[in-house]
Amino acid sequence: MLTRIAIALLLGATSLAAAAGDRVVTSADLGDKWPLTIDSGTLQCRPFMGSLQILTIRADGKTWAVNGTAIGQGFPEIDPIWKGNPEISGARINIGPLIDLAKSLCQ
């Protein structure tokens, strides 16, 4: 009886876990909200420790962190390919739309 309960709990936990995903994204996907200096890459979301996600983008043979969780896991910061904001000196284009798109791959 306990074995059946344990199996049921494991199966339930597995179905609740977020699925990982990836997809090729291009500047056309976000239009003028595209925050990177590269034209395209493979965006990836990997579930991590409960409700967190590791968000990355792979381009030209290198994988970059898109969020702080990915930085914490050792991926290099995205700064070298993060587009500057031409309207505000020293600022960057909002990366939020890319983060939202990456998070949607874990759902």
C-alpha atoms as a PDB file:
ATOM      1  CA  MET A   1       0.000   0.000   0.000  1.00  0.00           C
ATOM      2  CA  LEU A   2       2.784   2.458   0.889  1.00  0.00           C
ATOM      3  CA  THR A   3       4.541   1.624  -2.372  1.00  0.00           C
ATOM      4  CA  ARG A   4       1.430   2.571  -4.370  1.00  0.00           C
ATOM      5  CA  ILE A   5       1.136   5.866  -2.492  1.00  0.00           C
ATOM      6  CA  ALA A   6       4.821   6.642  -3.072  1.00  0.00           C
ATOM      7  CA  ILE A   7       4.498   5.912  -6.802  1.00  0.00           C
ATOM      8  CA  ALA A   8       1.380   8.075  -7.054  1.00  0.00           C
ATOM      9  CA  LEU A   9       3.155  10.940  -5.297  1.00  0.00           C
ATOM     10  CA  LEU A  10       6.177  10.633  -7.596  1.00  0.00           C
ATOM     11  CA  LEU A  11       4.007  10.606 -10.707  1.00  0.00           C
ATOM     12  CA  GLY A  12       2.107  13.635  -9.465  1.00  0.00           C
ATOM     13  CA  ALA A  13       5.312  15.531  -8.740  1.00  0.00           C
ATOM     14  CA  THR A  14       6.647  14.716 -12.176  1.00  0.00           C
ATOM     15  CA  SER A  15       3.546  16.080 -13.888  1.00  0.00           C
ATOM     16  CA  LEU A  16       3.778  19.315 -11.881  1.00  0.00           C
ATOM     17  CA  ALA A  17       7.385  20.013 -12.842  1.00  0.00           C
ATOM     18  CA  ALA A  18       7.904  22.659 -15.502  1.00  0.00           C
ATOM     19  CA  ALA A  19       9.076  21.381 -18.847  1.00  0.00           C
ATOM     20  CA  ALA A  20      12.300  22.648 -20.354  1.00  0.00           C
ATOM     21  CA  GLY A  21      12.300  24.115 -23.819  1.00  0.00           C
ATOM     22  CA  ASP A  22      14.262  25.959 -26.424  1.00  0.00           C
ATOM     23  CA  ARG A  23      13.656  27.703 -29.719  1.00  0.00           C
ATOM     24  CA  VAL A  24      15.445  29.768 -32.279  1.00  0.00           C
ATOM     25  CA  VAL A  25      14.624  33.458 -31.898  1.00  0.00           C
ATOM     26  CA  THR A  26      15.450  36.301 -34.243  1.00  0.00           C
ATOM     27  CA  SER A  27      15.319  40.062 -34.085  1.00  0.00           C
ATOM     28  CA  ALA A  28      12.100  39.827 -36.127  1.00  0.00           C
ATOM     29  CA  ASP A  29      10.412  38.060 -33.186  1.00  0.00           C
ATOM     30  CA  LEU A  30      10.665  41.183 -31.006  1.00  0.00           C
ATOM     31  CA  GLY A  31      11.066  43.896 -33.635  1.00  0.00           C
ATOM     32  CA  ASP A  32      12.289  47.188 -32.163  1.00  0.00           C
ATOM     33  CA  LYS A  33      12.251  45.563 -28.695  1.00  0.00           C
ATOM     34  CA  TRP A  34      15.101  43.191 -29.690  1.00  0.00           C
ATOM     35  CA  PRO A  35      17.745  43.886 -27.017  1.00  0.00           C
ATOM     36  CA  LEU A  36      20.781  42.184 -28.541  1.00  0.00           C
ATOM     37  CA  THR A  37      23.520  43.049 -31.024  1.00  0.00           C
ATOM     38  CA  ILE A  38      23.251  39.576 -32.600  1.00  0.00           C
ATOM     39  CA  ASP A  39      20.465  38.851 -35.091  1.00  0.00           C
ATOM     40  CA  SER A  40      19.432  35.449 -33.750  1.00  0.00           C
ATOM     41  CA  GLY A  41      20.156  32.675 -31.274  1.00  0.00           C
ATOM     42  CA  THR A  42      18.696  29.667 -29.530  1.00  0.00           C
ATOM     43  CA  LEU A  43      16.793  30.756 -26.451  1.00  0.00           C
ATOM     44  CA  GLN A  44      16.547  28.163 -23.691  1.00  0.00           C
ATOM     45  CA  CYS A  45      14.664  27.760 -20.428  1.00  0.00           C
ATOM     46  CA  ARG A  46      15.585  25.087 -17.894  1.00  0.00           C
ATOM     47  CA  PRO A  47      13.648  24.652 -14.623  1.00  0.00           C
ATOM     48  CA  PHE A  48      15.828  25.060 -11.540  1.00  0.00           C
ATOM     49  CA  MET A  49      15.125  24.534  -7.844  1.00  0.00           C
ATOM     50  CA  GLY A  50      11.367  24.794  -7.748  1.00  0.00           C
ATOM     51  CA  SER A  51      10.014  27.951  -9.352  1.00  0.00           C
ATOM     52  CA  LEU A  52      13.312  29.321 -10.733  1.00  0.00           C
ATOM     53  CA  GLN A  53      14.470  29.030 -14.328  1.00  0.00           C
ATOM     54  CA  ILE A  54      17.880  29.136 -15.959  1.00  0.00           C
ATOM     55  CA  LEU A  55      17.434  31.347 -19.042  1.00  0.00           C
ATOM     56  CA  THR A  56      20.146  31.381 -21.710  1.00  0.00           C
ATOM     57  CA  ILE A  57      20.708  32.236 -25.344  1.00  0.00           C
ATOM     58  CA  ARG A  58      23.217  30.442 -27.560  1.00  0.00           C
ATOM     59  CA  ALA A  59      24.751  32.224 -30.533  1.00  0.00           C
ATOM     60  CA  ASP A  60      27.984  31.915 -32.468  1.00  0.00           C
ATOM     61  CA  GLY A  61      29.110  28.953 -30.383  1.00  0.00           C
ATOM     62  CA  LYS A  62      28.694  30.677 -27.010  1.00  0.00           C
ATOM     63  CA  THR A  63      25.915  30.434 -24.424  1.00  0.00           C
ATOM     64  CA  TRP A  64      25.036  33.629 -22.539  1.00  0.00           C
ATOM     65  CA  ALA A  65      23.051  34.103 -19.326  1.00  0.00           C
ATOM     66  CA  VAL A  66      19.757  35.925 -19.854  1.00  0.00           C
ATOM     67  CA  ASN A  67      18.907  36.107 -16.137  1.00  0.00           C
ATOM     68  CA  GLY A  68      20.610  36.162 -12.752  1.00  0.00           C
ATOM     69  CA  THR A  69      19.872  32.501 -12.085  1.00  0.00           C
ATOM     70  CA  ALA A  70      21.887  31.558 -15.184  1.00  0.00           C
ATOM     71  CA  ILE A  71      24.747  33.834 -14.066  1.00  0.00           C
ATOM     72  CA  GLY A  72      24.689  32.085 -10.695  1.00  0.00           C
ATOM     73  CA  GLN A  73      25.086  28.759 -12.484  1.00  0.00           C
ATOM     74  CA  GLY A  74      28.239  29.909 -14.247  1.00  0.00           C
ATOM     75  CA  PHE A  75      26.998  31.166 -17.608  1.00  0.00           C
ATOM     76  CA  PRO A  76      28.731  34.359 -18.762  1.00  0.00           C
ATOM     77  CA  GLU A  77      26.863  37.648 -18.455  1.00  0.00           C
ATOM     78  CA  ILE A  78      25.082  38.829 -21.582  1.00  0.00           C
ATOM     79  CA  ASP A  79      26.626  42.327 -21.473  1.00  0.00           C
ATOM     80  CA  PRO A  80      28.928  41.869 -24.515  1.00  0.00           C
ATOM     81  CA  ILE A  81      25.903  41.254 -26.794  1.00  0.00           C
ATOM     82  CA  TRP A  82      23.349  43.435 -24.942  1.00  0.00           C
ATOM     83  CA  LYS A  83      22.477  46.441 -27.090  1.00  0.00           C
ATOM     84  CA  GLY A  84      22.984  49.926 -25.695  1.00  0.00           C
ATOM     85  CA  ASN A  85      20.047  52.322 -25.523  1.00  0.00           C
ATOM     86  CA  PRO A  86      20.646  55.098 -28.063  1.00  0.00           C
ATOM     87  CA  GLU A  87      18.320  57.455 -26.162  1.00  0.00           C
ATOM     88  CA  ILE A  88      19.958  57.120 -22.718  1.00  0.00           C
ATOM     89  CA  SER A  89      23.723  57.240 -22.425  1.00  0.00           C
ATOM     90  CA  GLY A  90      25.108  54.256 -20.501  1.00  0.00           C
ATOM     91  CA  ALA A  91      21.758  52.425 -20.392  1.00  0.00           C
ATOM     92  CA  ARG A  92      20.770  49.224 -22.199  1.00  0.00           C
ATOM     93  CA  ILE A  93      17.698  48.252 -24.192  1.00  0.00           C
ATOM     94  CA  ASN A  94      15.071  46.637 -21.934  1.00  0.00           C
ATOM     95  CA  ILE A  95      15.774  42.889 -21.819  1.00  0.00           C
ATOM     96  CA  GLY A  96      12.365  42.128 -20.237  1.00  0.00           C
ATOM     97  CA  PRO A  97      10.659  41.022 -23.489  1.00  0.00           C
ATOM     98  CA  LEU A  98      13.445  38.482 -24.131  1.00  0.00           C
ATOM     99  CA  ILE A  99      13.180  37.192 -20.554  1.00  0.00           C
ATOM    100  CA  ASP A 100       9.399  36.829 -20.931  1.00  0.00           C
ATOM    101  CA  LEU A 101       9.852  34.913 -24.179  1.00  0.00           C
ATOM    102  CA  ALA A 102      12.445  32.617 -22.556  1.00  0.00           C
ATOM    103  CA  LYS A 103      10.228  31.959 -19.518  1.00  0.00           C
ATOM    104  CA  SER A 104       7.358  30.956 -21.801  1.00  0.00           C
ATOM    105  CA  LEU A 105       9.504  28.036 -22.989  1.00  0.00           C
ATOM    106  CA  CYS A 106       9.272  26.439 -19.531  1.00  0.00           C
ATOM    107  CA  GLN A 107       5.483  26.449 -19.491  1.00  0.00           C
END
